[in-house]
Amino acid sequence: IAAGIKLVEPLSTKNVKLLPDLFHM
């Protein structure tokens, strides 16, 4: 999730959200 935040937060679009999948987590 931390890597996902690092990827998504700098985007100009604010319309990308993350999916926590409990198996992967």
PDB file of all heavy atoms in Angstrom:
ATOM      1  N   ILE A   1       0.843  -1.203   0.000  1.00  0.00           N
ATOM      2  CA  ILE A   1       0.000   0.000   0.000  1.00  0.00           C
ATOM      3  C   ILE A   1       0.877   1.251   0.000  1.00  0.00           C
ATOM      4  O   ILE A   1       0.572   2.234  -0.689  1.00  0.00           O
ATOM      5  CB  ILE A   1      -0.952  -0.011   1.210  1.00  0.00           C
ATOM      6  CG1 ILE A   1      -1.932  -1.199   1.116  1.00  0.00           C
ATOM      7  CG2 ILE A   1      -1.725   1.304   1.293  1.00  0.00           C
ATOM      8  CD1 ILE A   1      -2.828  -1.190  -0.096  1.00  0.00           C
ATOM      9  N   ALA A   2       1.976   1.229   0.732  1.00  0.00           N
ATOM     10  CA  ALA A   2       2.877   2.395   0.753  1.00  0.00           C
ATOM     11  C   ALA A   2       3.417   2.687  -0.645  1.00  0.00           C
ATOM     12  O   ALA A   2       3.490   3.850  -1.057  1.00  0.00           O
ATOM     13  CB  ALA A   2       4.030   2.155   1.722  1.00  0.00           C
ATOM     14  N   ALA A   3       3.780   1.642  -1.380  1.00  0.00           N
ATOM     15  CA  ALA A   3       4.249   1.846  -2.758  1.00  0.00           C
ATOM     16  C   ALA A   3       3.122   2.369  -3.639  1.00  0.00           C
ATOM     17  O   ALA A   3       3.345   3.195  -4.532  1.00  0.00           O
ATOM     18  CB  ALA A   3       4.802   0.533  -3.318  1.00  0.00           C
ATOM     19  N   GLY A   4       1.895   1.898  -3.385  1.00  0.00           N
ATOM     20  CA  GLY A   4       0.744   2.401  -4.121  1.00  0.00           C
ATOM     21  C   GLY A   4       0.502   3.874  -3.858  1.00  0.00           C
ATOM     22  O   GLY A   4       0.210   4.652  -4.781  1.00  0.00           O
ATOM     23  N   ILE A   5       0.635   4.286  -2.595  1.00  0.00           N
ATOM     24  CA  ILE A   5       0.485   5.697  -2.247  1.00  0.00           C
ATOM     25  C   ILE A   5       1.539   6.538  -2.965  1.00  0.00           C
ATOM     26  O   ILE A   5       1.241   7.601  -3.528  1.00  0.00           O
ATOM     27  CB  ILE A   5       0.585   5.888  -0.722  1.00  0.00           C
ATOM     28  CG1 ILE A   5      -0.587   5.201  -0.017  1.00  0.00           C
ATOM     29  CG2 ILE A   5       0.637   7.372  -0.361  1.00  0.00           C
ATOM     30  CD1 ILE A   5      -0.436   5.110   1.492  1.00  0.00           C
ATOM     31  N   LYS A   6       2.776   6.049  -2.967  1.00  0.00           N
ATOM     32  CA  LYS A   6       3.874   6.760  -3.635  1.00  0.00           C
ATOM     33  C   LYS A   6       3.627   6.906  -5.129  1.00  0.00           C
ATOM     34  O   LYS A   6       4.004   7.913  -5.736  1.00  0.00           O
ATOM     35  CB  LYS A   6       5.178   6.011  -3.379  1.00  0.00           C
ATOM     36  CG  LYS A   6       6.414   6.724  -3.891  1.00  0.00           C
ATOM     37  CD  LYS A   6       7.680   5.955  -3.534  1.00  0.00           C
ATOM     38  CE  LYS A   6       8.925   6.663  -4.064  1.00  0.00           C
ATOM     39  NZ  LYS A   6      10.166   5.893  -3.725  1.00  0.00           N
ATOM     40  N   LEU A   7       2.950   5.928  -5.715  1.00  0.00           N
ATOM     41  CA  LEU A   7       2.621   5.982  -7.141  1.00  0.00           C
ATOM     42  C   LEU A   7       1.467   6.937  -7.416  1.00  0.00           C
ATOM     43  O   LEU A   7       1.512   7.732  -8.365  1.00  0.00           O
ATOM     44  CB  LEU A   7       2.239   4.580  -7.627  1.00  0.00           C
ATOM     45  CG  LEU A   7       1.747   4.456  -9.073  1.00  0.00           C
ATOM     46  CD1 LEU A   7       2.890   4.658 -10.058  1.00  0.00           C
ATOM     47  CD2 LEU A   7       1.071   3.102  -9.297  1.00  0.00           C
ATOM     48  N   VAL A   8       0.430   6.884  -6.600  1.00  0.00           N
ATOM     49  CA  VAL A   8      -0.829   7.562  -6.891  1.00  0.00           C
ATOM     50  C   VAL A   8      -0.828   9.025  -6.452  1.00  0.00           C
ATOM     51  O   VAL A   8      -1.354   9.893  -7.158  1.00  0.00           O
ATOM     52  CB  VAL A   8      -1.990   6.784  -6.239  1.00  0.00           C
ATOM     53  CG1 VAL A   8      -3.278   7.594  -6.234  1.00  0.00           C
ATOM     54  CG2 VAL A   8      -2.198   5.456  -6.960  1.00  0.00           C
ATOM     55  N   GLU A   9      -0.247   9.318  -5.297  1.00  0.00           N
ATOM     56  CA  GLU A   9      -0.339  10.681  -4.755  1.00  0.00           C
ATOM     57  C   GLU A   9       0.213  11.763  -5.684  1.00  0.00           C
ATOM     58  O   GLU A   9      -0.368  12.841  -5.779  1.00  0.00           O
ATOM     59  CB  GLU A   9       0.333  10.758  -3.381  1.00  0.00           C
ATOM     60  CG  GLU A   9      -0.580  10.313  -2.250  1.00  0.00           C
ATOM     61  CD  GLU A   9      -0.053  10.712  -0.885  1.00  0.00           C
ATOM     62  OE1 GLU A   9       1.193  10.822  -0.750  1.00  0.00           O
ATOM     63  OE2 GLU A   9      -0.868  10.912   0.034  1.00  0.00           O
ATOM     64  N   PRO A  10       1.332  11.540  -6.407  1.00  0.00           N
ATOM     65  CA  PRO A  10       1.863  12.621  -7.260  1.00  0.00           C
ATOM     66  C   PRO A  10       1.095  12.833  -8.560  1.00  0.00           C
ATOM     67  O   PRO A  10       1.370  13.807  -9.278  1.00  0.00           O
ATOM     68  CB  PRO A  10       3.291  12.133  -7.580  1.00  0.00           C
ATOM     69  CG  PRO A  10       3.590  11.045  -6.614  1.00  0.00           C
ATOM     70  CD  PRO A  10       2.275  10.413  -6.303  1.00  0.00           C
ATOM     71  N   LEU A  11       0.145  11.948  -8.884  1.00  0.00           N
ATOM     72  CA  LEU A  11      -0.562  12.076 -10.152  1.00  0.00           C
ATOM     73  C   LEU A  11      -1.356  13.379 -10.208  1.00  0.00           C
ATOM     74  O   LEU A  11      -1.922  13.823  -9.203  1.00  0.00           O
ATOM     75  CB  LEU A  11      -1.515  10.893 -10.348  1.00  0.00           C
ATOM     76  CG  LEU A  11      -0.883   9.501 -10.454  1.00  0.00           C
ATOM     77  CD1 LEU A  11      -1.981   8.433 -10.524  1.00  0.00           C
ATOM     78  CD2 LEU A  11       0.035   9.393 -11.671  1.00  0.00           C
ATOM     79  N   SER A  12      -1.429  13.950 -11.387  1.00  0.00           N
ATOM     80  CA  SER A  12      -2.256  15.147 -11.560  1.00  0.00           C
ATOM     81  C   SER A  12      -3.728  14.809 -11.385  1.00  0.00           C
ATOM     82  O   SER A  12      -4.494  15.577 -10.790  1.00  0.00           O
ATOM     83  CB  SER A  12      -2.013  15.750 -12.949  1.00  0.00           C
ATOM     84  OG  SER A  12      -0.681  16.173 -13.085  1.00  0.00           O
ATOM     85  N   THR A  13      -4.133  13.677 -11.928  1.00  0.00           N
ATOM     86  CA  THR A  13      -5.506  13.235 -11.699  1.00  0.00           C
ATOM     87  C   THR A  13      -5.645  12.795 -10.252  1.00  0.00           C
ATOM     88  O   THR A  13      -4.744  12.160  -9.692  1.00  0.00           O
ATOM     89  CB  THR A  13      -5.904  12.086 -12.640  1.00  0.00           C
ATOM     90  OG1 THR A  13      -7.266  11.713 -12.341  1.00  0.00           O
ATOM     91  CG2 THR A  13      -5.017  10.868 -12.468  1.00  0.00           C
ATOM     92  N   LYS A  14      -6.744  13.135  -9.658  1.00  0.00           N
ATOM     93  CA  LYS A  14      -7.033  12.686  -8.293  1.00  0.00           C
ATOM     94  C   LYS A  14      -8.160  11.650  -8.326  1.00  0.00           C
ATOM     95  O   LYS A  14      -8.876  11.462  -7.343  1.00  0.00           O
ATOM     96  CB  LYS A  14      -7.404  13.873  -7.401  1.00  0.00           C
ATOM     97  CG  LYS A  14      -6.294  14.916  -7.299  1.00  0.00           C
ATOM     98  CD  LYS A  14      -4.960  14.296  -6.873  1.00  0.00           C
ATOM     99  CE  LYS A  14      -3.802  15.283  -6.932  1.00  0.00           C
ATOM    100  NZ  LYS A  14      -2.487  14.630  -6.670  1.00  0.00           N
ATOM    101  N   ASN A  15      -8.247  10.968  -9.458  1.00  0.00           N
ATOM    102  CA  ASN A  15      -9.332  10.015  -9.645  1.00  0.00           C
ATOM    103  C   ASN A  15      -8.829   8.567  -9.705  1.00  0.00           C
ATOM    104  O   ASN A  15      -9.484   7.712 -10.276  1.00  0.00           O
ATOM    105  CB  ASN A  15     -10.119  10.348 -10.926  1.00  0.00           C
ATOM    106  CG  ASN A  15     -11.488   9.704 -10.933  1.00  0.00           C
ATOM    107  OD1 ASN A  15     -12.189   9.712  -9.913  1.00  0.00           O
ATOM    108  ND2 ASN A  15     -11.886   9.132 -12.057  1.00  0.00           N
ATOM    109  N   VAL A  16      -7.663   8.319  -9.128  1.00  0.00           N
ATOM    110  CA  VAL A  16      -7.149   6.958  -9.009  1.00  0.00           C
ATOM    111  C   VAL A  16      -7.094   6.594  -7.531  1.00  0.00           C
ATOM    112  O   VAL A  16      -6.520   7.326  -6.719  1.00  0.00           O
ATOM    113  CB  VAL A  16      -5.753   6.808  -9.633  1.00  0.00           C
ATOM    114  CG1 VAL A  16      -5.236   5.377  -9.473  1.00  0.00           C
ATOM    115  CG2 VAL A  16      -5.785   7.190 -11.106  1.00  0.00           C
ATOM    116  N   LYS A  17      -7.721   5.482  -7.175  1.00  0.00           N
ATOM    117  CA  LYS A  17      -7.765   5.015  -5.795  1.00  0.00           C
ATOM    118  C   LYS A  17      -7.098   3.639  -5.686  1.00  0.00           C
ATOM    119  O   LYS A  17      -6.905   2.948  -6.681  1.00  0.00           O
ATOM    120  CB  LYS A  17      -9.215   4.927  -5.297  1.00  0.00           C
ATOM    121  CG  LYS A  17     -10.001   6.228  -5.391  1.00  0.00           C
ATOM    122  CD  LYS A  17      -9.428   7.325  -4.504  1.00  0.00           C
ATOM    123  CE  LYS A  17     -10.252   8.598  -4.565  1.00  0.00           C
ATOM    124  NZ  LYS A  17      -9.669   9.684  -3.752  1.00  0.00           N
ATOM    125  N   LEU A  18      -6.792   3.242  -4.470  1.00  0.00           N
ATOM    126  CA  LEU A  18      -6.095   1.989  -4.217  1.00  0.00           C
ATOM    127  C   LEU A  18      -7.049   0.896  -3.748  1.00  0.00           C
ATOM    128  O   LEU A  18      -8.104   1.168  -3.162  1.00  0.00           O
ATOM    129  CB  LEU A  18      -5.013   2.193  -3.162  1.00  0.00           C
ATOM    130  CG  LEU A  18      -3.875   3.131  -3.544  1.00  0.00           C
ATOM    131  CD1 LEU A  18      -2.951   3.347  -2.357  1.00  0.00           C
ATOM    132  CD2 LEU A  18      -3.086   2.595  -4.737  1.00  0.00           C
ATOM    133  N   LEU A  19      -6.633  -0.334  -4.005  1.00  0.00           N
ATOM    134  CA  LEU A  19      -7.397  -1.510  -3.595  1.00  0.00           C
ATOM    135  C   LEU A  19      -6.549  -2.341  -2.628  1.00  0.00           C
ATOM    136  O   LEU A  19      -5.638  -3.050  -3.054  1.00  0.00           O
ATOM    137  CB  LEU A  19      -7.780  -2.360  -4.818  1.00  0.00           C
ATOM    138  CG  LEU A  19      -8.814  -3.475  -4.638  1.00  0.00           C
ATOM    139  CD1 LEU A  19      -9.265  -3.996  -6.003  1.00  0.00           C
ATOM    140  CD2 LEU A  19      -8.315  -4.644  -3.809  1.00  0.00           C
ATOM    141  N   PRO A  20      -6.804  -2.254  -1.333  1.00  0.00           N
ATOM    142  CA  PRO A  20      -6.171  -3.186  -0.408  1.00  0.00           C
ATOM    143  C   PRO A  20      -6.803  -4.581  -0.557  1.00  0.00           C
ATOM    144  O   PRO A  20      -7.988  -4.761  -0.306  1.00  0.00           O
ATOM    145  CB  PRO A  20      -6.481  -2.598   0.972  1.00  0.00           C
ATOM    146  CG  PRO A  20      -6.900  -1.183   0.724  1.00  0.00           C
ATOM    147  CD  PRO A  20      -7.563  -1.206  -0.622  1.00  0.00           C
ATOM    148  N   ASP A  21      -6.000  -5.524  -1.017  1.00  0.00           N
ATOM    149  CA  ASP A  21      -6.424  -6.918  -1.120  1.00  0.00           C
ATOM    150  C   ASP A  21      -5.795  -7.651   0.061  1.00  0.00           C
ATOM    151  O   ASP A  21      -4.570  -7.721   0.184  1.00  0.00           O
ATOM    152  CB  ASP A  21      -5.954  -7.504  -2.457  1.00  0.00           C
ATOM    153  CG  ASP A  21      -6.324  -8.965  -2.629  1.00  0.00           C
ATOM    154  OD1 ASP A  21      -5.916  -9.791  -1.780  1.00  0.00           O
ATOM    155  OD2 ASP A  21      -7.000  -9.294  -3.624  1.00  0.00           O
ATOM    156  N   LEU A  22      -6.620  -8.220   0.921  1.00  0.00           N
ATOM    157  CA  LEU A  22      -6.112  -8.744   2.185  1.00  0.00           C
ATOM    158  C   LEU A  22      -5.217  -9.959   1.999  1.00  0.00           C
ATOM    159  O   LEU A  22      -4.355 -10.226   2.846  1.00  0.00           O
ATOM    160  CB  LEU A  22      -7.280  -9.062   3.125  1.00  0.00           C
ATOM    161  CG  LEU A  22      -8.171  -7.859   3.460  1.00  0.00           C
ATOM    162  CD1 LEU A  22      -9.264  -8.253   4.446  1.00  0.00           C
ATOM    163  CD2 LEU A  22      -7.352  -6.694   4.014  1.00  0.00           C
ATOM    164  N   PHE A  23      -5.371 -10.698   0.902  1.00  0.00           N
ATOM    165  CA  PHE A  23      -4.463 -11.805   0.615  1.00  0.00           C
ATOM    166  C   PHE A  23      -3.070 -11.270   0.277  1.00  0.00           C
ATOM    167  O   PHE A  23      -2.057 -11.711   0.846  1.00  0.00           O
ATOM    168  CB  PHE A  23      -4.987 -12.649  -0.540  1.00  0.00           C
ATOM    169  CG  PHE A  23      -3.963 -13.613  -1.091  1.00  0.00           C
ATOM    170  CD1 PHE A  23      -3.632 -14.766  -0.400  1.00  0.00           C
ATOM    171  CD2 PHE A  23      -3.324 -13.348  -2.298  1.00  0.00           C
ATOM    172  CE1 PHE A  23      -2.675 -15.646  -0.892  1.00  0.00           C
ATOM    173  CE2 PHE A  23      -2.372 -14.228  -2.806  1.00  0.00           C
ATOM    174  CZ  PHE A  23      -2.046 -15.376  -2.097  1.00  0.00           C
ATOM    175  N   HIS A  24      -2.984 -10.336  -0.647  1.00  0.00           N
ATOM    176  CA  HIS A  24      -1.690  -9.757  -1.002  1.00  0.00           C
ATOM    177  C   HIS A  24      -1.064  -9.046   0.200  1.00  0.00           C
ATOM    178  O   HIS A  24       0.156  -9.124   0.417  1.00  0.00           O
ATOM    179  CB  HIS A  24      -1.851  -8.776  -2.165  1.00  0.00           C
ATOM    180  CG  HIS A  24      -2.306  -9.413  -3.428  1.00  0.00           C
ATOM    181  ND1 HIS A  24      -1.600 -10.398  -4.065  1.00  0.00           N
ATOM    182  CD2 HIS A  24      -3.417  -9.206  -4.199  1.00  0.00           C
ATOM    183  CE1 HIS A  24      -2.237 -10.774  -5.171  1.00  0.00           C
ATOM    184  NE2 HIS A  24      -3.345 -10.067  -5.261  1.00  0.00           N
ATOM    185  N   MET A  25      -1.874  -8.350   0.974  1.00  0.00           N
ATOM    186  CA  MET A  25      -1.366  -7.631   2.141  1.00  0.00           C
ATOM    187  C   MET A  25      -0.801  -8.591   3.176  1.00  0.00           C
ATOM    188  O   MET A  25       0.196  -8.287   3.840  1.00  0.00           O
ATOM    189  CB  MET A  25      -2.473  -6.770   2.748  1.00  0.00           C
ATOM    190  CG  MET A  25      -2.940  -5.652   1.835  1.00  0.00           C
ATOM    191  SD  MET A  25      -4.231  -4.656   2.592  1.00  0.00           S
ATOM    192  CE  MET A  25      -3.251  -3.605   3.664  1.00  0.00           C
TER     193      MET A  25
END
